[in-house]
């Protein structure tokens, strides 16, 4: 007879029966480590894993009516920066004073440029942010911009007292690429 892992096998017999569990000498039981609730929290080390700050993007400045040529070969123009009033049409939209920014990107480089992640922002000179909205003629830049081609987009920003206001419009056509920053007044 041979005992294996709680089973008894009989030689020359086809019957298999369960045997009593076999005790193991010196069996250890795990004990939790006590926690010292009065111990100070560990200080982070200089090389601790932490989020890293994104590198600052190059910024090219110009006036609202300037063309800004970026180092990547894209040329950004603001066709217009006009004040208006928009009416809410769908849930979540707000009616009120707004600025419509029309942007054109021209690709003077030899490679296609992806515009799907383009970000356009508007800030008033006093620091008030224009809040992007889908109310009005909002139609952002998108798609692949092939060499020698142009694409246009329209962005709408809610801004109280939008008419004749000093603003800064920033255009970043793709993450990590240079930013075109335009300063001037709304129409």
Protein backbone atom coordinates (compact mmCIF):
# COMPACT_ATOMS: atom_id res chain seq x y z
CA UNK A 1 0.00 0.00 0.00
CA UNK A 2 1.26 3.47 -0.91
CA UNK A 3 -0.08 6.77 0.55
CA UNK A 4 0.03 9.79 -1.75
CA UNK A 5 -1.49 13.15 -0.98
CA UNK A 6 -4.36 11.82 1.06
CA UNK A 7 -5.15 8.84 -1.21
CA UNK A 8 -4.59 5.19 -0.54
CA UNK A 9 -3.79 3.01 -3.53
CA UNK A 10 -3.99 -0.74 -3.08
CA UNK A 11 -1.67 -2.88 -5.11
CA UNK A 12 -3.46 -5.32 -7.39
CA UNK A 13 -6.83 -3.85 -6.58
CA UNK A 14 -8.82 -1.36 -8.63
CA UNK A 15 -10.41 0.34 -5.61
CA UNK A 16 -9.19 3.73 -4.52
CA UNK A 17 -10.23 5.07 -1.15
CA UNK A 18 -9.60 8.32 0.62
CA UNK A 19 -7.33 8.17 3.61
CA UNK A 20 -7.09 10.39 6.63
CA UNK A 21 -5.11 13.57 6.09
CA UNK A 22 -1.49 13.21 6.99
CA UNK A 23 -0.16 15.71 9.52
CA UNK A 24 3.01 17.52 8.57
CA UNK A 25 5.40 18.13 11.40
CA UNK A 26 6.63 21.67 11.97
CA UNK A 27 3.73 23.25 10.02
CA UNK A 28 4.01 27.04 10.35
CA UNK A 29 1.11 29.44 10.42
CA UNK A 30 1.54 32.91 8.90
CA UNK A 31 1.12 35.81 11.31
CA UNK A 32 0.43 39.37 10.08
CA UNK A 33 3.09 41.96 10.77
CA UNK A 34 1.82 44.50 13.31
CA UNK A 35 1.48 48.09 12.10
CA UNK A 36 2.95 50.89 14.17
CA UNK A 37 0.32 53.62 13.86
CA UNK A 38 2.60 56.14 15.59
CA UNK A 39 5.43 55.77 13.06
CA UNK A 40 5.96 58.78 10.75
CA UNK A 41 5.10 58.39 7.06
CA UNK A 42 8.13 57.76 4.85
CA UNK A 43 9.51 60.77 2.98
CA UNK A 44 9.56 60.47 -0.81
CA UNK A 45 13.01 60.16 -2.30
CA UNK A 46 14.35 62.35 -5.08
CA UNK A 47 14.25 59.42 -7.49
CA UNK A 48 10.72 58.29 -6.57
CA UNK A 49 8.41 57.53 -9.45
CA UNK A 50 6.32 60.62 -10.03
CA UNK A 51 4.49 62.19 -12.94
CA UNK A 52 6.79 64.13 -15.17
CA UNK A 53 5.99 67.56 -16.47
CA UNK A 54 5.57 67.82 -20.22
CA UNK A 55 8.30 69.81 -21.92
CA UNK A 56 7.31 73.36 -22.75
CA UNK A 57 6.26 73.77 -26.37
CA UNK A 58 7.91 76.39 -28.54
CA UNK A 59 5.65 79.41 -28.96
CA UNK A 60 5.65 81.68 -32.01
CA UNK A 61 3.96 85.05 -31.38
CA UNK A 62 2.18 87.35 -33.78
CA UNK A 63 -0.69 89.77 -34.22
CA UNK A 64 -4.19 88.52 -35.03
CA UNK A 65 -3.80 89.54 -38.68
CA UNK A 66 -0.30 87.96 -39.06
CA UNK A 67 0.58 84.59 -40.58
CA UNK A 68 2.70 82.56 -38.20
CA UNK A 69 5.14 80.11 -39.81
CA UNK A 70 6.01 77.31 -37.38
CA UNK A 71 9.37 75.48 -37.42
CA UNK A 72 7.55 72.30 -38.56
CA UNK A 73 6.52 73.89 -41.87
CA UNK A 74 2.91 74.62 -40.97
CA UNK A 75 1.66 78.18 -41.42
CA UNK A 76 -1.25 79.26 -39.22
CA UNK A 77 -3.59 82.15 -40.03
CA UNK A 78 -6.59 83.53 -38.18
CA UNK A 79 -9.06 84.41 -40.91
CA UNK A 80 -11.29 86.22 -38.43
CA UNK A 81 -11.86 86.79 -34.72
CA UNK A 82 -15.39 88.15 -34.41
CA UNK A 83 -17.80 88.78 -31.58
CA UNK A 84 -21.34 87.47 -31.80
CA UNK A 85 -24.23 86.13 -29.76
CA UNK A 86 -24.94 82.40 -29.91
CA UNK A 87 -28.19 80.60 -29.12
CA UNK A 88 -28.23 77.28 -27.31
CA UNK A 89 -29.75 74.55 -29.47
CA UNK A 90 -28.96 71.34 -27.59
CA UNK A 91 -28.74 70.36 -23.90
CA UNK A 92 -25.54 71.61 -22.26
CA UNK A 93 -25.12 74.60 -24.56
CA UNK A 94 -25.45 78.15 -23.28
CA UNK A 95 -26.75 81.25 -25.06
CA UNK A 96 -24.83 84.48 -24.81
CA UNK A 97 -21.89 86.61 -25.85
CA UNK A 98 -19.23 84.69 -27.78
CA UNK A 99 -16.19 84.95 -30.05
CA UNK A 100 -15.92 83.00 -33.31
CA UNK A 101 -12.36 82.19 -34.39
CA UNK A 102 -11.73 80.97 -37.95
CA UNK A 103 -8.35 79.25 -38.36
CA UNK A 104 -6.51 78.14 -41.51
CA UNK A 105 -3.51 75.78 -41.41
CA UNK A 106 -1.34 75.47 -44.53
CA UNK A 107 1.22 72.68 -44.81
CA UNK A 108 4.44 73.98 -46.40
CA UNK A 109 6.43 70.95 -45.19
CA UNK A 110 7.19 67.71 -47.04
CA UNK A 111 5.23 65.48 -44.62
CA UNK A 112 1.56 65.14 -43.78
CA UNK A 113 0.43 66.76 -40.53
CA UNK A 114 -2.24 65.25 -38.28
CA UNK A 115 -4.82 67.85 -37.24
CA UNK A 116 -7.13 65.52 -35.29
CA UNK A 117 -5.74 66.64 -31.93
CA UNK A 118 -5.61 70.36 -32.74
CA UNK A 119 -6.34 72.58 -29.73
CA UNK A 120 -7.38 76.22 -30.03
CA UNK A 121 -7.82 78.36 -26.91
CA UNK A 122 -8.88 81.95 -26.31
CA UNK A 123 -7.99 84.08 -23.28
CA UNK A 124 -8.95 87.71 -22.69
CA UNK A 125 -6.12 90.11 -21.79
CA UNK A 126 -7.53 90.37 -18.25
CA UNK A 127 -7.14 86.58 -17.81
CA UNK A 128 -10.75 85.51 -18.39
CA UNK A 129 -10.88 82.26 -20.35
CA UNK A 130 -13.10 81.85 -23.37
CA UNK A 131 -15.10 78.67 -22.77
CA UNK A 132 -15.33 76.47 -25.86
CA UNK A 133 -18.86 75.61 -26.94
CA UNK A 134 -20.58 73.65 -29.68
CA UNK A 135 -23.26 76.34 -29.95
CA UNK A 136 -22.89 78.29 -33.17
CA UNK A 137 -20.75 77.35 -36.17
CA UNK A 138 -18.21 75.17 -34.29
CA UNK A 139 -16.24 72.94 -36.76
CA UNK A 140 -12.70 72.12 -35.50
CA UNK A 141 -9.67 71.31 -37.65
CA UNK A 142 -9.38 67.58 -38.36
CA UNK A 143 -7.81 64.95 -40.58
CA UNK A 144 -4.43 64.58 -42.28
CA UNK A 145 -3.13 67.75 -43.91
CA UNK A 146 -1.04 66.74 -46.92
CA UNK A 147 1.95 68.84 -48.08
CA UNK A 148 0.89 71.86 -50.12
CA UNK A 149 -2.70 71.72 -48.84
CA UNK A 150 -4.72 73.93 -46.47
CA UNK A 151 -7.49 73.19 -43.99
CA UNK A 152 -9.83 75.50 -42.10
CA UNK A 153 -11.66 75.18 -38.81
CA UNK A 154 -14.06 77.29 -36.77
CA UNK A 155 -14.06 77.54 -32.97
CA UNK A 156 -16.64 79.24 -30.75
CA UNK A 157 -15.82 80.57 -27.28
CA UNK A 158 -18.28 81.95 -24.75
CA UNK A 159 -16.86 85.24 -23.44
CA UNK A 160 -18.84 87.87 -21.59
CA UNK A 161 -18.49 91.17 -23.38
CA UNK A 162 -16.89 89.73 -26.50
CA UNK A 163 -16.98 92.83 -28.71
CA UNK A 164 -13.84 94.98 -29.06
CA UNK A 165 -11.95 92.95 -26.45
CA UNK A 166 -8.20 92.27 -26.29
CA UNK A 167 -7.59 88.52 -26.56
CA UNK A 168 -4.87 85.94 -27.09
CA UNK A 169 -5.67 82.99 -29.37
CA UNK A 170 -3.37 79.95 -29.17
CA UNK A 171 -3.30 77.27 -31.88
CA UNK A 172 -1.54 73.96 -31.24
CA UNK A 173 -2.15 71.71 -34.23
CA UNK A 174 -0.73 68.58 -32.55
CA UNK A 175 0.55 67.61 -29.10
CA UNK A 176 4.26 68.33 -28.67
CA UNK A 177 4.39 70.64 -31.70
CA UNK A 178 5.02 74.41 -31.66
CA UNK A 179 2.18 76.75 -30.72
CA UNK A 180 1.06 79.78 -32.75
CA UNK A 181 -0.07 82.53 -30.37
CA UNK A 182 -1.97 85.53 -31.76
CA UNK A 183 -2.71 88.77 -29.86
CA UNK A 184 -5.17 91.51 -30.78
CA UNK A 185 -8.77 92.67 -30.49
CA UNK A 186 -12.03 91.02 -31.47
CA UNK A 187 -14.13 92.67 -34.20
